[in-house]
Amino acid sequence: MKSLYAEHIVSVEAGAPPGQSPETAGLAACIAKSAQWTEATEVHSIKVEGPFPHGDRFAVIFDMDITRRPENKRFQMKEIALYTVKSDKIVREEFFYSM
C-alpha cells in the first residue's frame, strides 16, 4: 500500500457500521483500516481475478472463504474493488459486495 497508494487516497466501503462513514481518507488511515480487517478476519482461501483496466481505473474481483473472528462466522464473500489511478498512484478504491 505504501508504494502503490497516494498519500491522499480515499477508500469507500459498500457499507459501514451505524454512525460511521463508509469513507476512509489518507494513506495512514487506509493502512490502519486494512490492518483491522486482517486482524479480525481469517482467510481460508482467496481467488483473485483481474485486473480489468478501463482508462484511469481498473477493477479486481476477490472470491474469498473467510471467518470473521469477532463473530466466529465462516462464509463465502465475493467483492469487486474498483481502483482509480492518477500520477501512477491509486487515489481512490471502492468496494462492492452484497450485505
PDB file of N, CA and C in Angstrom:
ATOM      1  N   MET A   1       0.824  -1.181   0.000  1.00  0.00           N
ATOM      2  CA  MET A   1       0.000   0.000   0.000  1.00  0.00           C
ATOM      3  C   MET A   1       0.878   1.259   0.000  1.00  0.00           C
ATOM      4  N   LYS A   2       1.982   1.196   0.729  1.00  0.00           N
ATOM      5  CA  LYS A   2       2.846   2.375   0.808  1.00  0.00           C
ATOM      6  C   LYS A   2       3.425   2.761  -0.547  1.00  0.00           C
ATOM      7  N   SER A   3       3.664   1.787  -1.404  1.00  0.00           N
ATOM      8  CA  SER A   3       4.264   2.110  -2.703  1.00  0.00           C
ATOM      9  C   SER A   3       3.226   2.365  -3.800  1.00  0.00           C
ATOM     10  N   LEU A   4       2.010   1.843  -3.652  1.00  0.00           N
ATOM     11  CA  LEU A   4       1.006   1.972  -4.705  1.00  0.00           C
ATOM     12  C   LEU A   4      -0.043   3.047  -4.456  1.00  0.00           C
ATOM     13  N   TYR A   5      -0.281   3.393  -3.207  1.00  0.00           N
ATOM     14  CA  TYR A   5      -1.348   4.340  -2.870  1.00  0.00           C
ATOM     15  C   TYR A   5      -0.808   5.752  -2.728  1.00  0.00           C
ATOM     16  N   ALA A   6      -1.616   6.730  -3.139  1.00  0.00           N
ATOM     17  CA  ALA A   6      -1.284   8.134  -2.945  1.00  0.00           C
ATOM     18  C   ALA A   6      -1.497   8.502  -1.469  1.00  0.00           C
ATOM     19  N   GLU A   7      -0.797   9.501  -1.002  1.00  0.00           N
ATOM     20  CA  GLU A   7      -0.950   9.962   0.385  1.00  0.00           C
ATOM     21  C   GLU A   7      -2.390  10.375   0.678  1.00  0.00           C
ATOM     22  N   HIS A   8      -3.092  10.893  -0.316  1.00  0.00           N
ATOM     23  CA  HIS A   8      -4.451  11.408  -0.132  1.00  0.00           C
ATOM     24  C   HIS A   8      -5.535  10.426  -0.606  1.00  0.00           C
ATOM     25  N   ILE A   9      -5.217   9.136  -0.635  1.00  0.00           N
ATOM     26  CA  ILE A   9      -6.181   8.129  -1.097  1.00  0.00           C
ATOM     27  C   ILE A   9      -7.487   8.198  -0.295  1.00  0.00           C
ATOM     28  N   VAL A  10      -8.578   7.856  -0.976  1.00  0.00           N
ATOM     29  CA  VAL A  10      -9.877   7.724  -0.331  1.00  0.00           C
ATOM     30  C   VAL A  10     -10.358   6.303  -0.583  1.00  0.00           C
ATOM     31  N   SER A  11     -10.757   5.625   0.480  1.00  0.00           N
ATOM     32  CA  SER A  11     -11.272   4.258   0.405  1.00  0.00           C
ATOM     33  C   SER A  11     -12.750   4.294   0.777  1.00  0.00           C
ATOM     34  N   VAL A  12     -13.594   3.657  -0.053  1.00  0.00           N
ATOM     35  CA  VAL A  12     -15.041   3.700   0.166  1.00  0.00           C
ATOM     36  C   VAL A  12     -15.578   2.270   0.257  1.00  0.00           C
ATOM     37  N   GLU A  13     -16.183   1.950   1.382  1.00  0.00           N
ATOM     38  CA  GLU A  13     -16.801   0.639   1.590  1.00  0.00           C
ATOM     39  C   GLU A  13     -18.257   0.679   1.144  1.00  0.00           C
ATOM     40  N   ALA A  14     -18.792  -0.465   0.767  1.00  0.00           N
ATOM     41  CA  ALA A  14     -20.205  -0.558   0.383  1.00  0.00           C
ATOM     42  C   ALA A  14     -21.113  -0.239   1.570  1.00  0.00           C
ATOM     43  N   GLY A  15     -20.654  -0.559   2.739  1.00  0.00           N
ATOM     44  CA  GLY A  15     -21.437  -0.307   3.939  1.00  0.00           C
ATOM     45  C   GLY A  15     -20.523   0.029   5.093  1.00  0.00           C
ATOM     46  N   ALA A  16     -21.074   0.646   6.085  1.00  0.00           N
ATOM     47  CA  ALA A  16     -20.317   0.992   7.287  1.00  0.00           C
ATOM     48  C   ALA A  16     -21.209   0.751   8.497  1.00  0.00           C
ATOM     49  N   PRO A  17     -20.616   0.467   9.640  1.00  0.00           N
ATOM     50  CA  PRO A  17     -21.429   0.313  10.852  1.00  0.00           C
ATOM     51  C   PRO A  17     -22.228   1.585  11.126  1.00  0.00           C
ATOM     52  N   PRO A  18     -23.359   1.468  11.782  1.00  0.00           N
ATOM     53  CA  PRO A  18     -24.172   2.650  12.087  1.00  0.00           C
ATOM     54  C   PRO A  18     -23.342   3.730  12.777  1.00  0.00           C
ATOM     55  N   GLY A  19     -23.522   4.958  12.297  1.00  0.00           N
ATOM     56  CA  GLY A  19     -22.807   6.072  12.896  1.00  0.00           C
ATOM     57  C   GLY A  19     -21.412   6.309  12.348  1.00  0.00           C
ATOM     58  N   GLN A  20     -20.938   5.441  11.449  1.00  0.00           N
ATOM     59  CA  GLN A  20     -19.608   5.598  10.874  1.00  0.00           C
ATOM     60  C   GLN A  20     -19.717   5.889   9.385  1.00  0.00           C
ATOM     61  N   SER A  21     -18.767   6.651   8.886  1.00  0.00           N
ATOM     62  CA  SER A  21     -18.740   6.973   7.461  1.00  0.00           C
ATOM     63  C   SER A  21     -18.204   5.779   6.671  1.00  0.00           C
ATOM     64  N   PRO A  22     -18.724   5.546   5.462  1.00  0.00           N
ATOM     65  CA  PRO A  22     -18.164   4.481   4.629  1.00  0.00           C
ATOM     66  C   PRO A  22     -16.823   4.881   4.005  1.00  0.00           C
ATOM     67  N   GLU A  23     -16.431   6.153   4.150  1.00  0.00           N
ATOM     68  CA  GLU A  23     -15.181   6.627   3.559  1.00  0.00           C
ATOM     69  C   GLU A  23     -14.057   6.719   4.586  1.00  0.00           C
ATOM     70  N   THR A  24     -12.878   6.326   4.150  1.00  0.00           N
ATOM     71  CA  THR A  24     -11.651   6.490   4.923  1.00  0.00           C
ATOM     72  C   THR A  24     -10.705   7.290   4.063  1.00  0.00           C
ATOM     73  N   ALA A  25     -10.135   8.353   4.616  1.00  0.00           N
ATOM     74  CA  ALA A  25      -9.272   9.231   3.827  1.00  0.00           C
ATOM     75  C   ALA A  25      -7.854   9.246   4.381  1.00  0.00           C
ATOM     76  N   GLY A  26      -6.885   9.190   3.467  1.00  0.00           N
ATOM     77  CA  GLY A  26      -5.479   9.276   3.831  1.00  0.00           C
ATOM     78  C   GLY A  26      -4.811   7.917   3.893  1.00  0.00           C
ATOM     79  N   LEU A  27      -3.543   7.885   3.513  1.00  0.00           N
ATOM     80  CA  LEU A  27      -2.787   6.632   3.461  1.00  0.00           C
ATOM     81  C   LEU A  27      -2.701   5.954   4.823  1.00  0.00           C
ATOM     82  N   ALA A  28      -2.352   6.699   5.860  1.00  0.00           N
ATOM     83  CA  ALA A  28      -2.204   6.094   7.199  1.00  0.00           C
ATOM     84  C   ALA A  28      -3.522   5.485   7.668  1.00  0.00           C
ATOM     85  N   ALA A  29      -4.633   6.183   7.437  1.00  0.00           N
ATOM     86  CA  ALA A  29      -5.939   5.668   7.861  1.00  0.00           C
ATOM     87  C   ALA A  29      -6.324   4.419   7.073  1.00  0.00           C
ATOM     88  N   CYS A  30      -5.992   4.380   5.776  1.00  0.00           N
ATOM     89  CA  CYS A  30      -6.304   3.200   4.957  1.00  0.00           C
ATOM     90  C   CYS A  30      -5.447   2.002   5.359  1.00  0.00           C
ATOM     91  N   ILE A  31      -4.200   2.246   5.692  1.00  0.00           N
ATOM     92  CA  ILE A  31      -3.338   1.163   6.177  1.00  0.00           C
ATOM     93  C   ILE A  31      -3.881   0.623   7.499  1.00  0.00           C
ATOM     94  N   ALA A  32      -4.315   1.507   8.385  1.00  0.00           N
ATOM     95  CA  ALA A  32      -4.890   1.075   9.668  1.00  0.00           C
ATOM     96  C   ALA A  32      -6.171   0.281   9.452  1.00  0.00           C
ATOM     97  N   LYS A  33      -7.015   0.720   8.513  1.00  0.00           N
ATOM     98  CA  LYS A  33      -8.265   0.006   8.210  1.00  0.00           C
ATOM     99  C   LYS A  33      -7.957  -1.406   7.704  1.00  0.00           C
ATOM    100  N   SER A  34      -6.976  -1.513   6.826  1.00  0.00           N
ATOM    101  CA  SER A  34      -6.570  -2.816   6.301  1.00  0.00           C
ATOM    102  C   SER A  34      -6.043  -3.722   7.410  1.00  0.00           C
ATOM    103  N   ALA A  35      -5.265  -3.160   8.309  1.00  0.00           N
ATOM    104  CA  ALA A  35      -4.723  -3.941   9.436  1.00  0.00           C
ATOM    105  C   ALA A  35      -5.847  -4.431  10.342  1.00  0.00           C
ATOM    106  N   GLN A  36      -6.860  -3.593  10.580  1.00  0.00           N
ATOM    107  CA  GLN A  36      -8.005  -4.005  11.402  1.00  0.00           C
ATOM    108  C   GLN A  36      -8.753  -5.161  10.747  1.00  0.00           C
ATOM    109  N   TRP A  37      -8.944  -5.071   9.414  1.00  0.00           N
ATOM    110  CA  TRP A  37      -9.638  -6.147   8.699  1.00  0.00           C
ATOM    111  C   TRP A  37      -8.831  -7.440   8.807  1.00  0.00           C
ATOM    112  N   THR A  38      -7.537  -7.340   8.604  1.00  0.00           N
ATOM    113  CA  THR A  38      -6.668  -8.520   8.671  1.00  0.00           C
ATOM    114  C   THR A  38      -6.694  -9.146  10.063  1.00  0.00           C
ATOM    115  N   GLU A  39      -6.680  -8.313  11.082  1.00  0.00           N
ATOM    116  CA  GLU A  39      -6.702  -8.796  12.456  1.00  0.00           C
ATOM    117  C   GLU A  39      -8.022  -9.490  12.792  1.00  0.00           C
ATOM    118  N   ALA A  40      -9.127  -9.005  12.230  1.00  0.00           N
ATOM    119  CA  ALA A  40     -10.452  -9.532  12.547  1.00  0.00           C
ATOM    120  C   ALA A  40     -10.906 -10.648  11.613  1.00  0.00           C
ATOM    121  N   THR A  41     -10.075 -10.973  10.595  1.00  0.00           N
ATOM    122  CA  THR A  41     -10.514 -11.913   9.569  1.00  0.00           C
ATOM    123  C   THR A  41      -9.482 -13.006   9.334  1.00  0.00           C
ATOM    124  N   GLU A  42      -9.933 -14.245   9.379  1.00  0.00           N
ATOM    125  CA  GLU A  42      -9.089 -15.377   8.989  1.00  0.00           C
ATOM    126  C   GLU A  42      -9.457 -15.733   7.549  1.00  0.00           C
ATOM    127  N   VAL A  43      -8.478 -15.701   6.670  1.00  0.00           N
ATOM    128  CA  VAL A  43      -8.703 -16.019   5.262  1.00  0.00           C
ATOM    129  C   VAL A  43      -8.320 -17.481   5.033  1.00  0.00           C
ATOM    130  N   HIS A  44      -9.299 -18.296   4.642  1.00  0.00           N
ATOM    131  CA  HIS A  44      -9.048 -19.710   4.364  1.00  0.00           C
ATOM    132  C   HIS A  44      -8.582 -19.896   2.923  1.00  0.00           C
ATOM    133  N   SER A  45      -9.182 -19.126   2.009  1.00  0.00           N
ATOM    134  CA  SER A  45      -8.741 -19.144   0.613  1.00  0.00           C
ATOM    135  C   SER A  45      -9.228 -17.874  -0.058  1.00  0.00           C
ATOM    136  N   ILE A  46      -8.529 -17.521  -1.117  1.00  0.00           N
ATOM    137  CA  ILE A  46      -8.915 -16.337  -1.881  1.00  0.00           C
ATOM    138  C   ILE A  46      -8.541 -16.564  -3.336  1.00  0.00           C
ATOM    139  N   LYS A  47      -9.470 -16.224  -4.210  1.00  0.00           N
ATOM    140  CA  LYS A  47      -9.236 -16.277  -5.648  1.00  0.00           C
ATOM    141  C   LYS A  47      -9.355 -14.844  -6.151  1.00  0.00           C
ATOM    142  N   VAL A  48      -8.374 -14.428  -6.936  1.00  0.00           N
ATOM    143  CA  VAL A  48      -8.346 -13.061  -7.448  1.00  0.00           C
ATOM    144  C   VAL A  48      -8.421 -13.101  -8.964  1.00  0.00           C
ATOM    145  N   GLU A  49      -9.328 -12.312  -9.536  1.00  0.00           N
ATOM    146  CA  GLU A  49      -9.457 -12.192 -10.989  1.00  0.00           C
ATOM    147  C   GLU A  49      -9.186 -10.750 -11.390  1.00  0.00           C
ATOM    148  N   GLY A  50      -8.455 -10.573 -12.469  1.00  0.00           N
ATOM    149  CA  GLY A  50      -8.166  -9.241 -12.956  1.00  0.00           C
ATOM    150  C   GLY A  50      -6.674  -8.984 -12.893  1.00  0.00           C
ATOM    151  N   PRO A  51      -6.309  -7.773 -13.134  1.00  0.00           N
ATOM    152  CA  PRO A  51      -7.126  -6.578 -13.195  1.00  0.00           C
ATOM    153  C   PRO A  51      -7.839  -6.435 -14.534  1.00  0.00           C
ATOM    154  N   PHE A  52      -8.941  -5.690 -14.480  1.00  0.00           N
ATOM    155  CA  PHE A  52      -9.720  -5.365 -15.660  1.00  0.00           C
ATOM    156  C   PHE A  52      -9.598  -3.853 -15.869  1.00  0.00           C
ATOM    157  N   PRO A  53      -8.686  -3.410 -16.744  1.00  0.00           N
ATOM    158  CA  PRO A  53      -8.431  -1.972 -16.903  1.00  0.00           C
ATOM    159  C   PRO A  53      -9.484  -1.264 -17.750  1.00  0.00           C
ATOM    160  N   HIS A  54      -9.688   0.013 -17.431  1.00  0.00           N
ATOM    161  CA  HIS A  54     -10.600   0.868 -18.191  1.00  0.00           C
ATOM    162  C   HIS A  54     -10.183   2.325 -17.941  1.00  0.00           C
ATOM    163  N   GLY A  55      -9.416   2.895 -18.866  1.00  0.00           N
ATOM    164  CA  GLY A  55      -8.953   4.277 -18.715  1.00  0.00           C
ATOM    165  C   GLY A  55      -8.076   4.438 -17.481  1.00  0.00           C
ATOM    166  N   ASP A  56      -8.456   5.367 -16.610  1.00  0.00           N
ATOM    167  CA  ASP A  56      -7.669   5.610 -15.396  1.00  0.00           C
ATOM    168  C   ASP A  56      -8.148   4.766 -14.215  1.00  0.00           C
ATOM    169  N   ARG A  57      -8.950   3.725 -14.507  1.00  0.00           N
ATOM    170  CA  ARG A  57      -9.463   2.847 -13.459  1.00  0.00           C
ATOM    171  C   ARG A  57      -9.191   1.391 -13.803  1.00  0.00           C
ATOM    172  N   PHE A  58      -9.250   0.548 -12.789  1.00  0.00           N
ATOM    173  CA  PHE A  58      -9.208  -0.895 -13.009  1.00  0.00           C
ATOM    174  C   PHE A  58      -9.989  -1.569 -11.895  1.00  0.00           C
ATOM    175  N   ALA A  59     -10.543  -2.729 -12.224  1.00  0.00           N
ATOM    176  CA  ALA A  59     -11.316  -3.498 -11.251  1.00  0.00           C
ATOM    177  C   ALA A  59     -10.632  -4.833 -11.000  1.00  0.00           C
ATOM    178  N   VAL A  60     -10.852  -5.345  -9.803  1.00  0.00           N
ATOM    179  CA  VAL A  60     -10.349  -6.660  -9.405  1.00  0.00           C
ATOM    180  C   VAL A  60     -11.493  -7.362  -8.671  1.00  0.00           C
ATOM    181  N   ILE A  61     -11.660  -8.657  -8.944  1.00  0.00           N
ATOM    182  CA  ILE A  61     -12.687  -9.450  -8.268  1.00  0.00           C
ATOM    183  C   ILE A  61     -12.002 -10.376  -7.270  1.00  0.00           C
ATOM    184  N   PHE A  62     -12.487 -10.339  -6.034  1.00  0.00           N
ATOM    185  CA  PHE A  62     -11.980 -11.210  -4.974  1.00  0.00           C
ATOM    186  C   PHE A  62     -13.088 -12.183  -4.595  1.00  0.00           C
ATOM    187  N   ASP A  63     -12.799 -13.469  -4.609  1.00  0.00           N
ATOM    188  CA  ASP A  63     -13.731 -14.513  -4.182  1.00  0.00           C
ATOM    189  C   ASP A  63     -13.080 -15.167  -2.975  1.00  0.00           C
ATOM    190  N   MET A  64     -13.654 -14.963  -1.782  1.00  0.00           N
ATOM    191  CA  MET A  64     -12.980 -15.345  -0.540  1.00  0.00           C
ATOM    192  C   MET A  64     -13.798 -16.311   0.311  1.00  0.00           C
ATOM    193  N   ASP A  65     -13.088 -17.171   0.987  1.00  0.00           N
ATOM    194  CA  ASP A  65     -13.636 -18.024   2.039  1.00  0.00           C
ATOM    195  C   ASP A  65     -12.983 -17.511   3.324  1.00  0.00           C
ATOM    196  N   ILE A  66     -13.787 -16.867   4.181  1.00  0.00           N
ATOM    197  CA  ILE A  66     -13.228 -16.208   5.357  1.00  0.00           C
ATOM    198  C   ILE A  66     -14.019 -16.531   6.614  1.00  0.00           C
ATOM    199  N   THR A  67     -13.394 -16.318   7.752  1.00  0.00           N
ATOM    200  CA  THR A  67     -14.062 -16.361   9.046  1.00  0.00           C
ATOM    201  C   THR A  67     -13.847 -15.021   9.715  1.00  0.00           C
ATOM    202  N   ARG A  68     -14.951 -14.382  10.107  1.00  0.00           N
ATOM    203  CA  ARG A  68     -14.856 -13.152  10.888  1.00  0.00           C
ATOM    204  C   ARG A  68     -14.644 -13.562  12.332  1.00  0.00           C
ATOM    205  N   ARG A  69     -13.493 -13.244  12.874  1.00  0.00           N
ATOM    206  CA  ARG A  69     -13.133 -13.678  14.225  1.00  0.00           C
ATOM    207  C   ARG A  69     -14.088 -13.168  15.308  1.00  0.00           C
ATOM    208  N   PRO A  70     -14.513 -11.903  15.290  1.00  0.00           N
ATOM    209  CA  PRO A  70     -15.386 -11.444  16.382  1.00  0.00           C
ATOM    210  C   PRO A  70     -16.687 -12.253  16.506  1.00  0.00           C
ATOM    211  N   GLU A  71     -17.246 -12.682  15.359  1.00  0.00           N
ATOM    212  CA  GLU A  71     -18.490 -13.451  15.386  1.00  0.00           C
ATOM    213  C   GLU A  71     -18.241 -14.948  15.261  1.00  0.00           C
ATOM    214  N   ASN A  72     -17.007 -15.338  14.989  1.00  0.00           N
ATOM    215  CA  ASN A  72     -16.651 -16.725  14.712  1.00  0.00           C
ATOM    216  C   ASN A  72     -17.572 -17.292  13.637  1.00  0.00           C
ATOM    217  N   LYS A  73     -17.763 -16.496  12.571  1.00  0.00           N
ATOM    218  CA  LYS A  73     -18.677 -16.865  11.483  1.00  0.00           C
ATOM    219  C   LYS A  73     -17.882 -17.031  10.193  1.00  0.00           C
ATOM    220  N   ARG A  74     -17.973 -18.232   9.620  1.00  0.00           N
ATOM    221  CA  ARG A  74     -17.298 -18.519   8.357  1.00  0.00           C
ATOM    222  C   ARG A  74     -18.289 -18.392   7.210  1.00  0.00           C
ATOM    223  N   PHE A  75     -17.851 -17.752   6.127  1.00  0.00           N
ATOM    224  CA  PHE A  75     -18.727 -17.595   4.970  1.00  0.00           C
ATOM    225  C   PHE A  75     -17.924 -17.289   3.715  1.00  0.00           C
ATOM    226  N   GLN A  76     -18.616 -17.407   2.586  1.00  0.00           N
ATOM    227  CA  GLN A  76     -18.044 -17.068   1.283  1.00  0.00           C
ATOM    228  C   GLN A  76     -18.392 -15.618   0.993  1.00  0.00           C
ATOM    229  N   MET A  77     -17.437 -14.897   0.435  1.00  0.00           N
ATOM    230  CA  MET A  77     -17.667 -13.495   0.121  1.00  0.00           C
ATOM    231  C   MET A  77     -17.064 -13.181  -1.237  1.00  0.00           C
ATOM    232  N   LYS A  78     -17.853 -12.529  -2.072  1.00  0.00           N
ATOM    233  CA  LYS A  78     -17.354 -12.047  -3.361  1.00  0.00           C
ATOM    234  C   LYS A  78     -17.375 -10.535  -3.305  1.00  0.00           C
ATOM    235  N   GLU A  79     -16.264  -9.935  -3.714  1.00  0.00           N
ATOM    236  CA  GLU A  79     -16.118  -8.490  -3.637  1.00  0.00           C
ATOM    237  C   GLU A  79     -15.489  -7.981  -4.929  1.00  0.00           C
ATOM    238  N   ILE A  80     -15.975  -6.847  -5.391  1.00  0.00           N
ATOM    239  CA  ILE A  80     -15.361  -6.179  -6.531  1.00  0.00           C
ATOM    240  C   ILE A  80     -14.717  -4.908  -6.005  1.00  0.00           C
ATOM    241  N   ALA A  81     -13.455  -4.714  -6.357  1.00  0.00           N
ATOM    242  CA  ALA A  81     -12.740  -3.500  -5.971  1.00  0.00           C
ATOM    243  C   ALA A  81     -12.481  -2.689  -7.238  1.00  0.00           C
ATOM    244  N   LEU A  82     -12.847  -1.413  -7.186  1.00  0.00           N
ATOM    245  CA  LEU A  82     -12.619  -0.506  -8.298  1.00  0.00           C
ATOM    246  C   LEU A  82     -11.596   0.532  -7.850  1.00  0.00           C
ATOM    247  N   TYR A  83     -10.488   0.604  -8.571  1.00  0.00           N
ATOM    248  CA  TYR A  83      -9.393   1.500  -8.217  1.00  0.00           C
ATOM    249  C   TYR A  83      -9.255   2.597  -9.263  1.00  0.00           C
ATOM    250  N   THR A  84      -9.009   3.829  -8.815  1.00  0.00           N
ATOM    251  CA  THR A  84      -8.763   4.963  -9.700  1.00  0.00           C
ATOM    252  C   THR A  84      -7.310   5.393  -9.521  1.00  0.00           C
ATOM    253  N   VAL A  85      -6.631   5.609 -10.655  1.00  0.00           N
ATOM    254  CA  VAL A  85      -5.204   5.926 -10.644  1.00  0.00           C
ATOM    255  C   VAL A  85      -4.968   7.320 -11.226  1.00  0.00           C
ATOM    256  N   LYS A  86      -4.113   8.088 -10.552  1.00  0.00           N
ATOM    257  CA  LYS A  86      -3.651   9.388 -11.065  1.00  0.00           C
ATOM    258  C   LYS A  86      -2.178   9.514 -10.722  1.00  0.00           C
ATOM    259  N   SER A  87      -1.388   9.960 -11.683  1.00  0.00           N
ATOM    260  CA  SER A  87       0.054  10.147 -11.492  1.00  0.00           C
ATOM    261  C   SER A  87       0.710   8.869 -10.963  1.00  0.00           C
ATOM    262  N   ASP A  88       0.307   7.727 -11.524  1.00  0.00           N
ATOM    263  CA  ASP A  88       0.877   6.418 -11.190  1.00  0.00           C
ATOM    264  C   ASP A  88       0.624   5.956  -9.750  1.00  0.00           C
ATOM    265  N   LYS A  89      -0.354   6.540  -9.070  1.00  0.00           N
ATOM    266  CA  LYS A  89      -0.705   6.128  -7.711  1.00  0.00           C
ATOM    267  C   LYS A  89      -2.209   5.910  -7.633  1.00  0.00           C
ATOM    268  N   ILE A  90      -2.627   4.980  -6.798  1.00  0.00           N
ATOM    269  CA  ILE A  90      -4.053   4.747  -6.562  1.00  0.00           C
ATOM    270  C   ILE A  90      -4.558   5.861  -5.648  1.00  0.00           C
ATOM    271  N   VAL A  91      -5.564   6.618  -6.131  1.00  0.00           N
ATOM    272  CA  VAL A  91      -6.102   7.740  -5.367  1.00  0.00           C
ATOM    273  C   VAL A  91      -7.480   7.438  -4.777  1.00  0.00           C
ATOM    274  N   ARG A  92      -8.119   6.368  -5.267  1.00  0.00           N
ATOM    275  CA  ARG A  92      -9.442   6.010  -4.767  1.00  0.00           C
ATOM    276  C   ARG A  92      -9.642   4.508  -4.941  1.00  0.00           C
ATOM    277  N   GLU A  93     -10.219   3.892  -3.927  1.00  0.00           N
ATOM    278  CA  GLU A  93     -10.622   2.491  -4.024  1.00  0.00           C
ATOM    279  C   GLU A  93     -12.055   2.414  -3.522  1.00  0.00           C
ATOM    280  N   GLU A  94     -12.867   1.646  -4.257  1.00  0.00           N
ATOM    281  CA  GLU A  94     -14.265   1.468  -3.887  1.00  0.00           C
ATOM    282  C   GLU A  94     -14.566  -0.022  -3.873  1.00  0.00           C
ATOM    283  N   PHE A  95     -15.221  -0.476  -2.828  1.00  0.00           N
ATOM    284  CA  PHE A  95     -15.518  -1.894  -2.674  1.00  0.00           C
ATOM    285  C   PHE A  95     -17.008  -2.133  -2.799  1.00  0.00           C
ATOM    286  N   PHE A  96     -17.353  -3.150  -3.602  1.00  0.00           N
ATOM    287  CA  PHE A  96     -18.751  -3.509  -3.847  1.00  0.00           C
ATOM    288  C   PHE A  96     -18.939  -4.965  -3.424  1.00  0.00           C
ATOM    289  N   TYR A  97     -19.943  -5.210  -2.588  1.00  0.00           N
ATOM    290  CA  TYR A  97     -20.243  -6.571  -2.126  1.00  0.00           C
ATOM    291  C   TYR A  97     -21.656  -6.592  -1.596  1.00  0.00           C
ATOM    292  N   SER A  98     -22.253  -7.774  -1.559  1.00  0.00           N
ATOM    293  CA  SER A  98     -23.602  -7.880  -1.005  1.00  0.00           C
ATOM    294  C   SER A  98     -23.510  -7.842   0.518  1.00  0.00           C
ATOM    295  N   MET A  99     -24.559  -7.331   1.121  1.00  0.00           N
ATOM    296  CA  MET A  99     -24.535  -7.161   2.566  1.00  0.00           C
ATOM    297  C   MET A  99     -25.662  -7.929   3.217  1.00  0.00           C
TER     298      MET A  99
END
